[in-house]
Amino acid sequence: MRLVVLVLLIYTLLAAPASAVTVAPLTFEQLVNQSAAVVLGRVVDVRGDFTDDRRAIQSVVTVEVLRGIKGRSGGTLAFTVPGGRAGRYLNVIPGAPVFARGDLAVFFVSSRGARLPVTTGFTQGIFRVQRGAANQMVVMQKAPVLLTVFEANIRAMVDAAR
């Protein structure tokens, strides 16, 4: 009898609605076309804060723009990512990008009206950059790509879309 009750309880829990976030994979072309701006930048500040409704924490990431690749960009760019630390509270979102001062990356961002932009496609819009074996800058993908080649591919897609 206990086994039957346990099995019914498990089936009931499995049938209960669950909420989750699913991000559809974007092609590289979609990533470029859906982004309002693409920049090579270095993270200069990460500040966690509560959302307006105070139900969650988001981090405001400020990036020093080293080079604009698509769209208009000034000397700095700020965008939000879910999660972070606000006061004594820490909100960890599995799969959300985490940044530290000094991180170097190519950032694809989408505008959201009057609110701060977000990275396009969640983590899909962040390509970390490092120094390669020959002291050249490389974009970290499945296989590292020279930063100059990566930028040229983006510019070609932007030009083709015009």
C-alpha atoms as a PDB file:
ATOM      1  CA  MET A   1       0.000   0.000   0.000  1.00  0.00           C
ATOM      2  CA  ARG A   2       2.815   2.409   0.860  1.00  0.00           C
ATOM      3  CA  LEU A   3       4.428   1.704  -2.502  1.00  0.00           C
ATOM      4  CA  VAL A   4       1.198   2.605  -4.331  1.00  0.00           C
ATOM      5  CA  VAL A   5       0.887   5.877  -2.412  1.00  0.00           C
ATOM      6  CA  LEU A   6       4.537   6.718  -3.086  1.00  0.00           C
ATOM      7  CA  VAL A   7       4.156   6.016  -6.819  1.00  0.00           C
ATOM      8  CA  LEU A   8       0.988   8.151  -6.986  1.00  0.00           C
ATOM      9  CA  LEU A   9       2.752  10.973  -5.140  1.00  0.00           C
ATOM     10  CA  ILE A  10       5.687  10.870  -7.554  1.00  0.00           C
ATOM     11  CA  TYR A  11       3.361  10.910 -10.591  1.00  0.00           C
ATOM     12  CA  THR A  12       1.445  13.836  -9.107  1.00  0.00           C
ATOM     13  CA  LEU A  13       4.649  15.834  -8.568  1.00  0.00           C
ATOM     14  CA  LEU A  14       5.878  15.061 -12.070  1.00  0.00           C
ATOM     15  CA  ALA A  15       2.574  16.199 -13.561  1.00  0.00           C
ATOM     16  CA  ALA A  16       2.583  19.517 -11.669  1.00  0.00           C
ATOM     17  CA  PRO A  17       3.402  22.506 -13.827  1.00  0.00           C
ATOM     18  CA  ALA A  18       6.975  23.704 -13.576  1.00  0.00           C
ATOM     19  CA  SER A  19       8.278  27.070 -14.633  1.00  0.00           C
ATOM     20  CA  ALA A  20      11.556  27.374 -16.461  1.00  0.00           C
ATOM     21  CA  VAL A  21      13.270  29.629 -18.925  1.00  0.00           C
ATOM     22  CA  THR A  22      14.153  28.245 -22.301  1.00  0.00           C
ATOM     23  CA  VAL A  23      16.333  30.228 -24.655  1.00  0.00           C
ATOM     24  CA  ALA A  24      16.033  29.238 -28.300  1.00  0.00           C
ATOM     25  CA  PRO A  25      19.420  28.764 -29.935  1.00  0.00           C
ATOM     26  CA  LEU A  26      20.236  31.521 -32.410  1.00  0.00           C
ATOM     27  CA  THR A  27      22.339  31.191 -35.512  1.00  0.00           C
ATOM     28  CA  PHE A  28      25.280  33.552 -35.700  1.00  0.00           C
ATOM     29  CA  GLU A  29      23.454  35.552 -38.371  1.00  0.00           C
ATOM     30  CA  GLN A  30      20.372  35.889 -36.132  1.00  0.00           C
ATOM     31  CA  LEU A  31      22.589  36.945 -33.248  1.00  0.00           C
ATOM     32  CA  VAL A  32      24.148  39.716 -35.337  1.00  0.00           C
ATOM     33  CA  ASN A  33      20.849  40.867 -36.871  1.00  0.00           C
ATOM     34  CA  GLN A  34      18.891  40.898 -33.592  1.00  0.00           C
ATOM     35  CA  SER A  35      21.538  42.894 -31.741  1.00  0.00           C
ATOM     36  CA  ALA A  36      21.268  46.669 -31.550  1.00  0.00           C
ATOM     37  CA  ALA A  37      24.999  46.899 -30.806  1.00  0.00           C
ATOM     38  CA  VAL A  38      28.059  44.672 -30.872  1.00  0.00           C
ATOM     39  CA  VAL A  39      31.174  45.869 -29.066  1.00  0.00           C
ATOM     40  CA  LEU A  40      34.549  44.654 -27.972  1.00  0.00           C
ATOM     41  CA  GLY A  41      34.808  45.740 -24.373  1.00  0.00           C
ATOM     42  CA  ARG A  42      36.377  45.320 -20.964  1.00  0.00           C
ATOM     43  CA  VAL A  43      34.218  45.044 -17.847  1.00  0.00           C
ATOM     44  CA  VAL A  44      34.910  47.991 -15.538  1.00  0.00           C
ATOM     45  CA  ASP A  45      32.101  47.528 -13.001  1.00  0.00           C
ATOM     46  CA  VAL A  46      29.526  44.951 -11.904  1.00  0.00           C
ATOM     47  CA  ARG A  47      26.854  46.145  -9.497  1.00  0.00           C
ATOM     48  CA  GLY A  48      24.040  43.963  -8.172  1.00  0.00           C
ATOM     49  CA  ASP A  49      20.708  45.563  -7.371  1.00  0.00           C
ATOM     50  CA  PHE A  50      17.099  44.583  -6.769  1.00  0.00           C
ATOM     51  CA  THR A  51      14.700  44.782  -9.683  1.00  0.00           C
ATOM     52  CA  ASP A  52      12.018  47.489  -9.535  1.00  0.00           C
ATOM     53  CA  ASP A  53       9.495  45.072  -7.993  1.00  0.00           C
ATOM     54  CA  ARG A  54      12.174  43.914  -5.497  1.00  0.00           C
ATOM     55  CA  ARG A  55      11.408  40.255  -6.285  1.00  0.00           C
ATOM     56  CA  ALA A  56      14.745  39.455  -7.909  1.00  0.00           C
ATOM     57  CA  ILE A  57      18.324  40.644  -8.199  1.00  0.00           C
ATOM     58  CA  GLN A  58      19.990  41.692 -11.408  1.00  0.00           C
ATOM     59  CA  SER A  59      23.528  42.865 -12.090  1.00  0.00           C
ATOM     60  CA  VAL A  60      24.286  46.014 -14.028  1.00  0.00           C
ATOM     61  CA  VAL A  61      27.474  45.395 -15.989  1.00  0.00           C
ATOM     62  CA  THR A  62      29.404  48.445 -17.213  1.00  0.00           C
ATOM     63  CA  VAL A  63      31.799  47.890 -20.077  1.00  0.00           C
ATOM     64  CA  GLU A  64      34.503  50.189 -21.414  1.00  0.00           C
ATOM     65  CA  VAL A  65      33.996  50.048 -25.190  1.00  0.00           C
ATOM     66  CA  LEU A  66      37.346  49.348 -26.814  1.00  0.00           C
ATOM     67  CA  ARG A  67      35.894  49.045 -30.308  1.00  0.00           C
ATOM     68  CA  GLY A  68      32.393  49.330 -31.710  1.00  0.00           C
ATOM     69  CA  ILE A  69      31.612  46.646 -34.275  1.00  0.00           C
ATOM     70  CA  LYS A  70      27.896  47.266 -34.906  1.00  0.00           C
ATOM     71  CA  GLY A  71      25.572  50.083 -33.909  1.00  0.00           C
ATOM     72  CA  ARG A  72      26.308  53.250 -32.006  1.00  0.00           C
ATOM     73  CA  SER A  73      28.310  53.068 -28.850  1.00  0.00           C
ATOM     74  CA  GLY A  74      29.958  55.661 -26.664  1.00  0.00           C
ATOM     75  CA  GLY A  75      32.882  55.214 -24.334  1.00  0.00           C
ATOM     76  CA  THR A  76      30.938  52.909 -22.028  1.00  0.00           C
ATOM     77  CA  LEU A  77      28.005  50.551 -22.333  1.00  0.00           C
ATOM     78  CA  ALA A  78      25.828  49.261 -19.493  1.00  0.00           C
ATOM     79  CA  PHE A  79      23.542  46.231 -19.661  1.00  0.00           C
ATOM     80  CA  THR A  80      21.806  43.920 -17.211  1.00  0.00           C
ATOM     81  CA  VAL A  81      22.114  40.213 -16.527  1.00  0.00           C
ATOM     82  CA  PRO A  82      19.953  38.224 -14.111  1.00  0.00           C
ATOM     83  CA  GLY A  83      21.357  37.340 -10.712  1.00  0.00           C
ATOM     84  CA  GLY A  84      24.040  38.867  -8.556  1.00  0.00           C
ATOM     85  CA  ARG A  85      24.598  40.206  -5.055  1.00  0.00           C
ATOM     86  CA  ALA A  86      22.581  43.026  -3.498  1.00  0.00           C
ATOM     87  CA  GLY A  87      23.526  43.773   0.081  1.00  0.00           C
ATOM     88  CA  ARG A  88      23.512  40.527   2.039  1.00  0.00           C
ATOM     89  CA  TYR A  89      21.455  38.695  -0.596  1.00  0.00           C
ATOM     90  CA  LEU A  90      22.903  36.546  -3.361  1.00  0.00           C
ATOM     91  CA  ASN A  91      20.782  35.373  -6.300  1.00  0.00           C
ATOM     92  CA  VAL A  92      22.432  32.698  -8.431  1.00  0.00           C
ATOM     93  CA  ILE A  93      20.748  31.951 -11.747  1.00  0.00           C
ATOM     94  CA  PRO A  94      22.039  28.697 -13.287  1.00  0.00           C
ATOM     95  CA  GLY A  95      23.440  29.384 -16.726  1.00  0.00           C
ATOM     96  CA  ALA A  96      23.465  33.169 -16.306  1.00  0.00           C
ATOM     97  CA  PRO A  97      26.715  34.866 -17.232  1.00  0.00           C
ATOM     98  CA  VAL A  98      28.914  36.081 -14.399  1.00  0.00           C
ATOM     99  CA  PHE A  99      31.357  38.931 -14.912  1.00  0.00           C
ATOM    100  CA  ALA A 100      34.312  40.323 -13.010  1.00  0.00           C
ATOM    101  CA  ARG A 101      36.205  43.555 -13.441  1.00  0.00           C
ATOM    102  CA  GLY A 102      38.748  43.163 -16.244  1.00  0.00           C
ATOM    103  CA  ASP A 103      36.856  40.529 -18.260  1.00  0.00           C
ATOM    104  CA  LEU A 104      37.365  41.062 -21.999  1.00  0.00           C
ATOM    105  CA  ALA A 105      34.669  39.978 -24.447  1.00  0.00           C
ATOM    106  CA  VAL A 106      32.642  40.761 -27.529  1.00  0.00           C
ATOM    107  CA  PHE A 107      29.165  41.720 -26.297  1.00  0.00           C
ATOM    108  CA  PHE A 108      26.004  41.472 -28.411  1.00  0.00           C
ATOM    109  CA  VAL A 109      23.265  43.565 -26.789  1.00  0.00           C
ATOM    110  CA  SER A 110      19.586  44.167 -27.534  1.00  0.00           C
ATOM    111  CA  SER A 111      17.786  47.337 -26.561  1.00  0.00           C
ATOM    112  CA  ARG A 112      14.662  47.239 -24.379  1.00  0.00           C
ATOM    113  CA  GLY A 113      13.178  50.700 -24.774  1.00  0.00           C
ATOM    114  CA  ALA A 114      13.894  52.970 -21.816  1.00  0.00           C
ATOM    115  CA  ARG A 115      15.390  50.158 -19.724  1.00  0.00           C
ATOM    116  CA  LEU A 116      19.017  49.086 -19.908  1.00  0.00           C
ATOM    117  CA  PRO A 117      19.836  46.638 -22.712  1.00  0.00           C
ATOM    118  CA  VAL A 118      20.376  42.917 -22.201  1.00  0.00           C
ATOM    119  CA  THR A 119      22.715  40.479 -23.888  1.00  0.00           C
ATOM    120  CA  THR A 120      21.141  39.030 -27.013  1.00  0.00           C
ATOM    121  CA  GLY A 121      20.193  35.382 -26.567  1.00  0.00           C
ATOM    122  CA  PHE A 122      21.169  35.381 -22.895  1.00  0.00           C
ATOM    123  CA  THR A 123      24.661  33.810 -22.818  1.00  0.00           C
ATOM    124  CA  GLN A 124      24.760  33.387 -26.596  1.00  0.00           C
ATOM    125  CA  GLY A 125      25.594  37.082 -26.921  1.00  0.00           C
ATOM    126  CA  ILE A 126      28.857  36.902 -24.983  1.00  0.00           C
ATOM    127  CA  PHE A 127      32.106  35.783 -26.565  1.00  0.00           C
ATOM    128  CA  ARG A 128      35.071  35.827 -24.188  1.00  0.00           C
ATOM    129  CA  VAL A 129      38.395  37.049 -25.599  1.00  0.00           C
ATOM    130  CA  GLN A 130      41.854  35.874 -24.530  1.00  0.00           C
ATOM    131  CA  ARG A 131      45.430  36.019 -25.714  1.00  0.00           C
ATOM    132  CA  GLY A 132      46.272  33.056 -27.908  1.00  0.00           C
ATOM    133  CA  ALA A 133      49.468  31.065 -28.282  1.00  0.00           C
ATOM    134  CA  ALA A 134      51.057  33.592 -30.683  1.00  0.00           C
ATOM    135  CA  ASN A 135      50.057  36.469 -28.350  1.00  0.00           C
ATOM    136  CA  GLN A 136      47.157  37.298 -30.665  1.00  0.00           C
ATOM    137  CA  MET A 137      43.663  38.032 -29.386  1.00  0.00           C
ATOM    138  CA  VAL A 138      41.295  35.089 -29.927  1.00  0.00           C
ATOM    139  CA  VAL A 139      37.560  34.723 -29.417  1.00  0.00           C
ATOM    140  CA  MET A 140      36.694  31.647 -27.396  1.00  0.00           C
ATOM    141  CA  GLN A 141      34.194  29.484 -29.262  1.00  0.00           C
ATOM    142  CA  LYS A 142      34.103  25.744 -29.862  1.00  0.00           C
ATOM    143  CA  ALA A 143      37.370  26.374 -31.686  1.00  0.00           C
ATOM    144  CA  PRO A 144      39.215  29.635 -30.914  1.00  0.00           C
ATOM    145  CA  VAL A 145      38.971  32.223 -33.717  1.00  0.00           C
ATOM    146  CA  LEU A 146      41.211  35.225 -34.251  1.00  0.00           C
ATOM    147  CA  LEU A 147      39.480  38.387 -33.056  1.00  0.00           C
ATOM    148  CA  THR A 148      40.157  40.106 -36.388  1.00  0.00           C
ATOM    149  CA  VAL A 149      38.434  37.279 -38.295  1.00  0.00           C
ATOM    150  CA  PHE A 150      35.501  37.272 -35.858  1.00  0.00           C
ATOM    151  CA  GLU A 151      35.024  41.036 -36.272  1.00  0.00           C
ATOM    152  CA  ALA A 152      35.270  40.772 -40.066  1.00  0.00           C
ATOM    153  CA  ASN A 153      32.513  38.122 -40.076  1.00  0.00           C
ATOM    154  CA  ILE A 154      30.226  40.394 -38.047  1.00  0.00           C
ATOM    155  CA  ARG A 155      30.910  43.417 -40.269  1.00  0.00           C
ATOM    156  CA  ALA A 156      30.222  41.333 -43.396  1.00  0.00           C
ATOM    157  CA  MET A 157      26.821  40.273 -42.004  1.00  0.00           C
ATOM    158  CA  VAL A 158      25.976  43.851 -41.054  1.00  0.00           C
ATOM    159  CA  ASP A 159      26.919  45.073 -44.540  1.00  0.00           C
ATOM    160  CA  ALA A 160      24.918  42.266 -46.194  1.00  0.00           C
ATOM    161  CA  ALA A 161      21.813  43.192 -44.170  1.00  0.00           C
ATOM    162  CA  ARG A 162      21.874  46.803 -45.455  1.00  0.00           C
END
